[in-house]
N, C-alpha and C. Protein backbone atom coordinates (compact mmCIF):
# COMPACT_ATOMS: atom_id res chain seq x y z
N UNK A 1 20.14 -15.21 -96.36
CA UNK A 1 20.76 -13.97 -95.57
C UNK A 1 19.86 -12.58 -96.04
N UNK A 2 19.72 -12.84 -97.32
CA UNK A 2 18.68 -11.88 -97.68
C UNK A 2 17.32 -11.04 -97.15
N UNK A 3 16.77 -12.44 -96.78
CA UNK A 3 15.36 -12.39 -96.84
C UNK A 3 15.33 -12.17 -94.97
N UNK A 4 16.79 -12.37 -94.34
CA UNK A 4 16.32 -12.48 -93.04
C UNK A 4 16.99 -10.54 -92.85
N UNK A 5 18.03 -10.13 -93.91
CA UNK A 5 17.72 -8.67 -93.89
C UNK A 5 16.47 -7.92 -93.94
N UNK A 6 15.90 -8.37 -95.03
CA UNK A 6 14.37 -7.97 -94.96
C UNK A 6 13.83 -7.73 -94.26
N UNK A 7 13.29 -8.85 -93.26
CA UNK A 7 12.81 -9.20 -91.95
C UNK A 7 13.03 -8.08 -91.33
N UNK A 8 14.26 -8.60 -91.06
CA UNK A 8 14.54 -7.05 -89.77
C UNK A 8 14.67 -5.66 -90.34
N UNK A 9 15.08 -5.56 -91.48
CA UNK A 9 14.70 -3.99 -91.82
C UNK A 9 12.68 -3.57 -91.93
N UNK A 10 11.87 -4.51 -92.26
CA UNK A 10 11.17 -4.53 -91.94
C UNK A 10 10.20 -3.95 -90.40
N UNK A 11 10.97 -5.11 -89.41
CA UNK A 11 10.55 -4.82 -88.53
C UNK A 11 10.87 -3.58 -87.72
N UNK A 12 11.77 -3.00 -87.87
CA UNK A 12 12.10 -1.76 -87.58
C UNK A 12 11.54 -0.88 -88.11
N UNK A 13 10.97 -1.35 -89.17
CA UNK A 13 10.52 -0.16 -89.61
C UNK A 13 9.12 -0.26 -89.00
N UNK A 14 8.00 -1.52 -88.96
CA UNK A 14 6.82 -1.20 -88.04
C UNK A 14 7.03 -0.91 -86.63
N UNK A 15 7.63 -1.34 -86.02
CA UNK A 15 8.27 -1.14 -84.93
C UNK A 15 8.18 1.01 -84.65
N UNK A 16 8.78 1.54 -85.83
CA UNK A 16 8.86 2.97 -85.87
C UNK A 16 7.31 3.42 -86.18
N UNK A 17 6.48 2.74 -87.47
CA UNK A 17 5.00 2.99 -87.80
C UNK A 17 4.59 2.88 -86.39
N UNK A 18 4.59 1.57 -85.60
CA UNK A 18 3.31 1.58 -84.53
C UNK A 18 3.59 2.57 -83.38
N UNK A 19 4.92 3.04 -83.34
CA UNK A 19 4.78 4.41 -82.21
C UNK A 19 4.31 5.79 -83.18
N UNK A 20 4.29 6.35 -84.29
CA UNK A 20 4.04 7.09 -84.66
C UNK A 20 3.99 7.38 -86.14
N UNK A 21 3.37 8.05 -86.67
CA UNK A 21 3.25 8.10 -88.09
C UNK A 21 2.84 9.81 -88.17
N UNK A 22 2.93 10.18 -89.83
CA UNK A 22 2.92 11.53 -89.74
C UNK A 22 1.27 11.85 -90.62
N UNK A 23 0.80 12.83 -90.25
CA UNK A 23 -0.67 13.17 -90.01
C UNK A 23 -1.27 12.45 -91.43
N UNK A 24 -2.44 11.62 -91.45
CA UNK A 24 -2.77 11.59 -93.03
C UNK A 24 -2.61 9.86 -92.98
N UNK A 25 -1.76 9.23 -92.34
CA UNK A 25 -1.49 8.12 -92.82
C UNK A 25 -1.62 7.04 -91.77
N UNK A 26 -2.25 5.96 -92.11
CA UNK A 26 -2.60 5.11 -91.00
C UNK A 26 -2.49 3.50 -91.03
N UNK A 27 -2.39 2.90 -90.44
CA UNK A 27 -1.29 1.48 -90.69
C UNK A 27 -2.94 0.42 -90.19
N UNK A 28 -3.18 -0.51 -91.46
CA UNK A 28 -4.43 -0.50 -91.52
C UNK A 28 -4.11 -2.26 -90.69
N UNK A 29 -3.15 -2.84 -91.32
CA UNK A 29 -2.63 -4.18 -90.74
C UNK A 29 -1.06 -4.89 -91.71
N UNK A 30 -0.79 -5.03 -90.96
CA UNK A 30 0.91 -5.59 -91.18
C UNK A 30 1.03 -6.90 -90.13
N UNK A 31 0.33 -8.03 -90.71
CA UNK A 31 0.67 -9.49 -90.14
C UNK A 31 1.93 -9.97 -90.05
N UNK A 32 2.20 -9.58 -91.40
CA UNK A 32 3.56 -10.27 -91.89
C UNK A 32 4.30 -9.34 -92.42
N UNK A 33 5.79 -10.08 -92.51
CA UNK A 33 6.40 -9.44 -93.54
C UNK A 33 6.32 -9.74 -95.29
N UNK A 34 5.18 -9.78 -95.80
CA UNK A 34 5.30 -10.00 -96.80
C UNK A 34 4.22 -8.78 -97.57
N UNK A 35 3.05 -8.40 -96.97
CA UNK A 35 2.24 -7.65 -97.15
C UNK A 35 1.84 -6.73 -95.98
N UNK A 36 1.72 -5.36 -96.46
CA UNK A 36 1.04 -4.33 -95.08
C UNK A 36 -0.23 -3.33 -96.33
N UNK A 37 -0.90 -3.13 -95.49
CA UNK A 37 -2.31 -2.31 -95.97
C UNK A 37 -2.29 -0.84 -95.01
N UNK A 38 -2.32 0.14 -95.72
CA UNK A 38 -2.39 1.40 -95.12
C UNK A 38 -3.44 2.74 -95.61
N UNK A 39 -3.75 3.10 -94.84
CA UNK A 39 -4.57 4.06 -95.38
C UNK A 39 -4.15 5.47 -95.23
N UNK A 40 -4.38 6.03 -96.86
CA UNK A 40 -3.78 7.58 -96.25
C UNK A 40 -5.02 8.78 -97.06
N UNK A 41 -4.55 10.10 -96.04
CA UNK A 41 -5.70 11.34 -96.28
C UNK A 41 -4.61 12.16 -97.12
N UNK A 42 -5.51 12.72 -97.96
CA UNK A 42 -4.48 14.52 -98.55
C UNK A 42 -5.11 15.05 -97.73
N UNK A 43 -4.19 16.03 -96.84
CA UNK A 43 -4.23 16.83 -95.96
C UNK A 43 -4.79 18.45 -96.09
N UNK A 44 -4.22 18.70 -97.38
CA UNK A 44 -4.66 20.02 -97.71
C UNK A 44 -6.16 20.21 -98.20
N UNK A 45 -6.61 21.25 -98.98
CA UNK A 45 -8.55 21.34 -99.18
C UNK A 45 -8.32 21.14 -100.78
N UNK A 46 -7.19 20.08 -101.32
CA UNK A 46 -7.62 20.02 -102.50
C UNK A 46 -8.70 19.29 -103.12
N UNK A 47 -9.56 19.59 -103.52
CA UNK A 47 -10.67 19.43 -103.94
C UNK A 47 -11.15 17.78 -104.74
N UNK A 48 -10.21 17.77 -105.39
CA UNK A 48 -10.03 16.67 -105.78
C UNK A 48 -10.02 15.18 -105.01
N UNK A 49 -9.46 15.36 -104.18
CA UNK A 49 -9.32 14.45 -102.46
C UNK A 49 -9.84 15.01 -101.37
N UNK A 50 -10.39 15.72 -101.25
CA UNK A 50 -11.22 16.14 -99.91
C UNK A 50 -11.76 15.15 -99.38
N UNK A 51 -11.61 14.86 -98.08
CA UNK A 51 -12.43 13.61 -97.85
C UNK A 51 -12.29 12.74 -97.64
N UNK A 52 -11.63 11.80 -98.81
CA UNK A 52 -11.13 10.43 -99.42
C UNK A 52 -10.05 9.99 -98.50
N UNK A 53 -10.47 9.65 -98.36
CA UNK A 53 -9.41 8.44 -97.87
C UNK A 53 -8.94 6.54 -98.31
N UNK A 54 -7.62 6.60 -98.87
CA UNK A 54 -7.04 5.85 -100.24
C UNK A 54 -6.57 4.70 -99.83
N UNK A 55 -6.36 3.06 -99.87
CA UNK A 55 -5.85 2.39 -99.21
C UNK A 55 -4.97 1.81 -100.28
N UNK A 56 -4.08 1.42 -99.62
CA UNK A 56 -2.50 1.25 -100.32
C UNK A 56 -2.25 -0.13 -99.94
N UNK A 57 -1.40 -0.98 -100.80
CA UNK A 57 -1.23 -2.10 -100.08
C UNK A 57 0.43 -2.50 -100.89
N UNK A 58 1.49 -2.71 -99.65
CA UNK A 58 2.80 -2.90 -100.22
C UNK A 58 2.87 -4.33 -100.38
N UNK A 59 3.53 -4.78 -100.98
CA UNK A 59 4.05 -6.30 -100.86
C UNK A 59 5.48 -6.02 -101.24
N UNK A 60 6.30 -6.91 -100.07
CA UNK A 60 7.58 -6.77 -100.16
C UNK A 60 8.44 -8.33 -100.86
N UNK A 61 9.42 -8.45 -101.06
CA UNK A 61 9.85 -9.25 -101.70
C UNK A 61 11.17 -9.71 -100.84
N UNK A 62 11.92 -10.41 -100.70
CA UNK A 62 12.92 -10.77 -99.62
C UNK A 62 14.34 -10.11 -100.25
N UNK A 63 14.02 -9.11 -101.45
CA UNK A 63 15.46 -8.74 -101.43
C UNK A 63 15.05 -7.05 -100.95
N UNK A 64 13.44 -6.67 -100.28
CA UNK A 64 13.63 -5.19 -99.57
C UNK A 64 14.57 -5.41 -98.52
N UNK A 65 15.11 -3.72 -98.21
CA UNK A 65 15.40 -2.94 -98.97
C UNK A 65 16.04 -2.34 -100.54
N UNK A 66 16.90 -3.47 -100.62
CA UNK A 66 17.44 -3.41 -101.53
C UNK A 66 16.51 -3.17 -103.30
N UNK A 67 15.24 -3.88 -102.85
CA UNK A 67 14.59 -3.48 -104.13
C UNK A 67 13.33 -3.19 -103.88
N UNK A 68 12.85 -2.38 -104.63
CA UNK A 68 11.55 -1.31 -103.88
C UNK A 68 10.15 -2.48 -103.52
N UNK A 69 9.07 -1.59 -102.84
CA UNK A 69 8.16 -2.61 -102.33
C UNK A 69 7.20 -2.44 -103.89
N UNK A 70 6.61 -2.79 -103.73
CA UNK A 70 5.26 -2.87 -105.07
C UNK A 70 4.39 -2.68 -104.25
N UNK A 71 4.03 -0.96 -104.51
CA UNK A 71 2.85 -0.55 -104.13
C UNK A 71 1.82 -0.44 -105.08
N UNK A 72 0.50 -0.14 -104.65
CA UNK A 72 -1.04 -0.03 -105.42
C UNK A 72 -1.60 0.45 -104.67
N UNK A 73 -2.86 1.03 -105.22
CA UNK A 73 -3.98 1.68 -104.57
C UNK A 73 -4.54 0.65 -104.58
N UNK A 74 -5.86 0.06 -103.49
CA UNK A 74 -6.71 -1.23 -103.60
C UNK A 74 -8.15 -0.06 -103.73
N UNK A 75 -8.70 -1.13 -104.07
CA UNK A 75 -10.62 -0.20 -104.78
C UNK A 75 -11.29 -1.36 -103.44
N UNK A 76 -11.70 -0.76 -102.64
CA UNK A 76 -12.73 -0.97 -101.85
C UNK A 76 -14.20 -0.15 -101.78
N UNK A 77 -15.04 -0.91 -101.23
CA UNK A 77 -16.51 -0.19 -101.12
C UNK A 77 -16.32 1.55 -101.12
N UNK A 78 -15.75 1.62 -99.44
CA UNK A 78 -15.50 2.59 -99.08
C UNK A 78 -14.37 3.40 -99.30
N UNK A 79 -13.26 3.40 -100.62
CA UNK A 79 -12.06 3.70 -100.33
C UNK A 79 -11.82 3.19 -102.27
N UNK A 80 -11.32 3.97 -102.56
CA UNK A 80 -11.81 4.40 -104.08
C UNK A 80 -10.26 4.47 -105.15
N UNK A 81 -10.02 4.08 -105.69
CA UNK A 81 -8.53 4.68 -106.45
C UNK A 81 -8.68 5.92 -107.15
N UNK A 82 -7.73 6.61 -105.94
CA UNK A 82 -7.84 8.32 -106.51
C UNK A 82 -7.35 8.88 -108.05
N UNK A 83 -8.13 9.43 -108.90
CA UNK A 83 -7.97 9.88 -109.97
C UNK A 83 -6.65 10.89 -110.06
N UNK A 84 -5.88 10.51 -111.07
CA UNK A 84 -4.55 10.92 -111.28
C UNK A 84 -3.66 10.66 -112.52
N UNK A 85 -3.37 11.96 -113.22
CA UNK A 85 -2.46 11.27 -114.17
C UNK A 85 -1.26 10.57 -114.33
N UNK A 86 -0.86 10.20 -113.27
CA UNK A 86 0.06 8.78 -112.73
C UNK A 86 -0.74 7.63 -111.33
N UNK A 87 -1.76 7.55 -112.05
CA UNK A 87 -2.41 6.63 -111.35
C UNK A 87 -3.41 5.76 -112.40
N UNK A 88 -3.62 4.52 -112.36
CA UNK A 88 -4.67 3.86 -113.30
C UNK A 88 -5.25 3.12 -112.92
N UNK A 89 -6.72 3.09 -113.34
CA UNK A 89 -7.72 3.46 -112.59
C UNK A 89 -8.01 1.33 -111.67
N UNK A 90 -6.42 0.80 -112.34
CA UNK A 90 -6.66 -0.82 -111.28
C UNK A 90 -6.00 -0.51 -110.30
N UNK A 91 -5.39 0.71 -109.73
CA UNK A 91 -4.91 1.64 -108.96
C UNK A 91 -3.10 0.90 -109.30
N UNK A 92 -2.64 0.83 -110.22
CA UNK A 92 -0.98 0.92 -110.50
C UNK A 92 -0.89 1.75 -110.11
N UNK A 93 0.23 2.39 -109.81
CA UNK A 93 1.25 3.76 -109.93
C UNK A 93 2.31 4.15 -110.57
N UNK A 94 2.08 4.66 -111.57
CA UNK A 94 3.58 5.03 -112.29
C UNK A 94 4.17 6.00 -111.59
N UNK A 95 5.43 5.95 -110.93
CA UNK A 95 6.06 6.82 -109.98
C UNK A 95 7.56 6.46 -109.92
N UNK A 96 8.53 7.02 -110.46
CA UNK A 96 9.71 6.94 -110.72
C UNK A 96 10.27 6.31 -109.52
N UNK A 97 9.85 7.31 -107.96
CA UNK A 97 10.24 5.87 -106.84
C UNK A 97 9.81 4.91 -106.67
N UNK A 98 8.95 4.10 -107.26
CA UNK A 98 9.30 2.73 -107.05
C UNK A 98 8.91 2.02 -108.03
N UNK A 99 9.99 2.50 -108.71
CA UNK A 99 10.83 1.65 -109.43
C UNK A 99 12.43 0.67 -109.26
N UNK A 100 13.36 0.36 -109.80
CA UNK A 100 14.20 -0.36 -109.68
C UNK A 100 15.38 1.19 -109.80
N UNK A 101 15.19 1.78 -111.05
CA UNK A 101 15.84 2.97 -111.20
C UNK A 101 15.27 4.21 -110.51
N UNK A 102 14.60 4.48 -109.79
CA UNK A 102 14.52 5.82 -108.84
C UNK A 102 14.34 5.02 -107.09
N UNK A 103 14.47 4.05 -107.01
CA UNK A 103 14.06 3.66 -105.43
C UNK A 103 15.57 3.56 -104.72
N UNK A 104 15.56 3.97 -104.14
CA UNK A 104 16.92 4.13 -103.11
C UNK A 104 16.42 3.66 -101.72
N UNK A 105 17.67 2.35 -101.30
CA UNK A 105 17.13 1.84 -99.74
C UNK A 105 17.02 2.90 -98.51
N UNK A 106 17.51 3.95 -98.68
CA UNK A 106 17.08 4.82 -97.71
C UNK A 106 15.87 4.94 -97.62
N UNK A 107 14.67 5.17 -98.21
CA UNK A 107 13.70 4.87 -98.22
C UNK A 107 12.21 3.86 -97.74
N UNK A 108 11.53 3.89 -96.87
CA UNK A 108 10.78 2.98 -96.46
C UNK A 108 9.19 3.70 -96.84
N UNK A 109 9.03 2.55 -95.65
CA UNK A 109 7.45 2.67 -96.02
C UNK A 109 6.77 3.89 -95.52
N UNK A 110 7.11 4.62 -94.52
CA UNK A 110 6.47 5.75 -94.80
C UNK A 110 6.81 6.80 -95.50
N UNK A 111 8.27 7.23 -96.39
CA UNK A 111 8.72 7.59 -97.42
C UNK A 111 7.73 7.61 -98.49
N UNK A 112 7.39 6.43 -98.41
CA UNK A 112 6.63 5.65 -99.81
C UNK A 112 5.08 6.72 -99.34
N UNK A 113 5.08 6.35 -98.55
CA UNK A 113 3.29 7.07 -98.53
C UNK A 113 3.33 8.64 -98.34
N UNK A 114 4.43 9.29 -97.89
CA UNK A 114 4.36 10.88 -98.01
C UNK A 114 4.40 11.18 -99.38
N UNK A 115 5.18 10.28 -100.03
CA UNK A 115 5.42 10.57 -101.24
C UNK A 115 4.14 10.59 -102.44
N UNK A 116 3.69 9.45 -101.89
CA UNK A 116 2.22 9.64 -102.53
C UNK A 116 1.16 10.58 -101.37
N UNK A 117 1.41 10.65 -100.91
CA UNK A 117 0.55 12.14 -100.41
C UNK A 117 1.03 13.51 -100.87
N UNK A 118 2.33 13.50 -100.72
CA UNK A 118 2.59 14.75 -101.81
C UNK A 118 2.19 15.06 -102.68
N UNK A 119 2.31 13.80 -103.99
CA UNK A 119 1.65 13.55 -105.37
C UNK A 119 0.46 14.27 -105.59
N UNK A 120 -0.35 13.64 -104.35
CA UNK A 120 -1.90 14.16 -104.59
C UNK A 120 -2.37 15.40 -104.55
N UNK A 121 -1.55 15.84 -103.37
CA UNK A 121 -1.52 16.99 -102.77
C UNK A 121 -1.55 18.08 -104.14
N UNK A 122 -0.45 17.94 -104.90
CA UNK A 122 -0.18 18.79 -105.84
C UNK A 122 -0.71 18.93 -107.23
N UNK A 123 -1.45 17.40 -107.40
CA UNK A 123 -2.29 17.31 -108.28
C UNK A 123 -3.09 18.25 -109.23
N UNK A 124 -3.45 19.13 -109.87
CA UNK A 124 -4.75 19.45 -110.78
C UNK A 124 -5.56 19.08 -111.26
N UNK A 125 -4.86 17.66 -111.73
CA UNK A 125 -5.93 17.12 -113.12
C UNK A 125 -6.28 16.44 -113.03
N UNK A 126 -8.03 16.37 -113.00
CA UNK A 126 -8.97 15.03 -113.26
C UNK A 126 -8.87 14.15 -113.81
N UNK A 127 -7.99 13.32 -114.44
CA UNK A 127 -8.06 12.39 -115.32
C UNK A 127 -7.02 11.31 -114.85
N UNK A 128 -7.05 10.30 -115.50
CA UNK A 128 -6.11 9.03 -115.70
C UNK A 128 -4.91 9.69 -116.86
N UNK A 129 -4.07 8.64 -116.59
CA UNK A 129 -3.29 8.53 -117.40
C UNK A 129 -3.33 7.95 -118.78
N UNK A 130 -3.02 8.72 -119.66
CA UNK A 130 -3.08 8.53 -121.47
C UNK A 130 -3.11 7.09 -121.69
N UNK A 131 -4.65 6.27 -122.22
CA UNK A 131 -4.47 5.03 -122.78
C UNK A 131 -4.93 3.93 -121.28
N UNK A 132 -5.42 4.32 -120.43
CA UNK A 132 -5.67 4.15 -119.29
C UNK A 132 -6.55 2.42 -119.42
N UNK A 133 -7.67 3.03 -120.03
CA UNK A 133 -8.28 1.61 -120.50
C UNK A 133 -8.05 0.42 -121.20
N UNK A 134 -6.97 0.97 -122.22
CA UNK A 134 -6.49 0.22 -122.80
C UNK A 134 -5.61 -1.18 -122.03
N UNK A 135 -4.45 -0.28 -121.33
CA UNK A 135 -3.44 -0.72 -120.61
C UNK A 135 -4.42 -1.89 -119.19
N UNK A 136 -5.49 -1.04 -118.30
CA UNK A 136 -6.26 -1.50 -117.84
C UNK A 136 -6.75 -3.49 -117.86
N UNK A 137 -7.05 -3.27 -119.47
CA UNK A 137 -7.81 -4.35 -120.13
C UNK A 137 -6.39 -5.29 -120.44
N UNK A 138 -4.92 -4.83 -121.61
CA UNK A 138 -4.52 -5.68 -121.39
C UNK A 138 -3.22 -6.22 -120.32
N UNK A 139 -3.09 -5.17 -119.64
CA UNK A 139 -1.78 -5.80 -118.90
C UNK A 139 -1.85 -6.84 -118.20
N UNK A 140 -0.60 -7.64 -118.10
CA UNK A 140 -0.94 -8.87 -117.51
C UNK A 140 0.37 -8.99 -116.50
N UNK A 141 1.41 -7.68 -116.74
CA UNK A 141 2.36 -7.50 -115.56
C UNK A 141 2.39 -6.91 -114.18
N UNK A 142 2.76 -7.46 -113.26
CA UNK A 142 2.87 -6.83 -111.87
C UNK A 142 3.39 -5.85 -112.12
N UNK A 143 2.91 -4.72 -111.07
CA UNK A 143 3.84 -3.28 -110.97
C UNK A 143 5.15 -3.14 -111.65
N UNK A 144 6.01 -4.20 -110.35
CA UNK A 144 7.43 -3.88 -110.36
C UNK A 144 7.90 -4.32 -112.30
N UNK A 145 7.61 -5.17 -112.56
CA UNK A 145 7.84 -5.43 -114.04
C UNK A 145 7.35 -4.74 -115.24
N UNK A 146 6.80 -3.87 -114.60
CA UNK A 146 5.93 -2.69 -116.25
C UNK A 146 7.02 -1.52 -116.30
N UNK A 147 7.74 -1.67 -117.15
CA UNK A 147 8.90 -0.71 -117.43
C UNK A 147 8.10 1.10 -117.71
N UNK A 148 7.82 1.95 -117.15
CA UNK A 148 7.03 2.91 -117.56
C UNK A 148 8.11 3.97 -118.07
N UNK A 149 7.52 4.81 -118.86
CA UNK A 149 8.42 5.96 -119.53
C UNK A 149 8.04 6.83 -118.42
N UNK A 150 8.96 7.76 -117.83
CA UNK A 150 8.39 8.55 -116.71
C UNK A 150 8.76 9.94 -117.41
N UNK A 151 7.13 10.41 -118.20
CA UNK A 151 7.92 11.53 -119.52
C UNK A 151 7.30 13.16 -118.59
N UNK A 152 6.41 13.14 -116.96
CA UNK A 152 5.92 14.54 -116.63
C UNK A 152 5.76 14.07 -115.17
N UNK A 153 7.16 15.00 -114.75
CA UNK A 153 7.39 14.79 -113.31
C UNK A 153 6.60 16.13 -112.32
N UNK A 154 6.20 16.94 -113.57
CA UNK A 154 5.63 18.80 -112.79
C UNK A 154 3.45 17.39 -112.21
N UNK A 155 3.39 16.53 -112.48
CA UNK A 155 2.10 16.22 -111.66
C UNK A 155 2.02 15.26 -110.43
């Protein structure tokens, strides 16, 4: 029953996304209800991100939208991982919205993309999270299984 609910919800989201998305967000692929790829751009003149487009990978479990999707930035030749104090160099995002505690079923793919655009827009620090190299080297957990400590909501 849960998987059917997820598929129905994702079907509705995909239909809305195919009809219109906010500026700076583009659907790249959504071949199934397990994984979608979207590109986002920061629309203001923030010099850290001007002229760059970033690739996001959404992975949906059968419990979506009750549980959040797994969302990471993907590195490609023409798509880098944005430098941000809450984004690790392997693309894992430390954002309360993407955790079980911060997620709400009223959120959706579009609202997550818009939140990430906003997070990048407001950033002024050209740096990775503290301990990035060690985290990337040692982490073997999936993003949804990481228990982040949300210590800085100002970035």
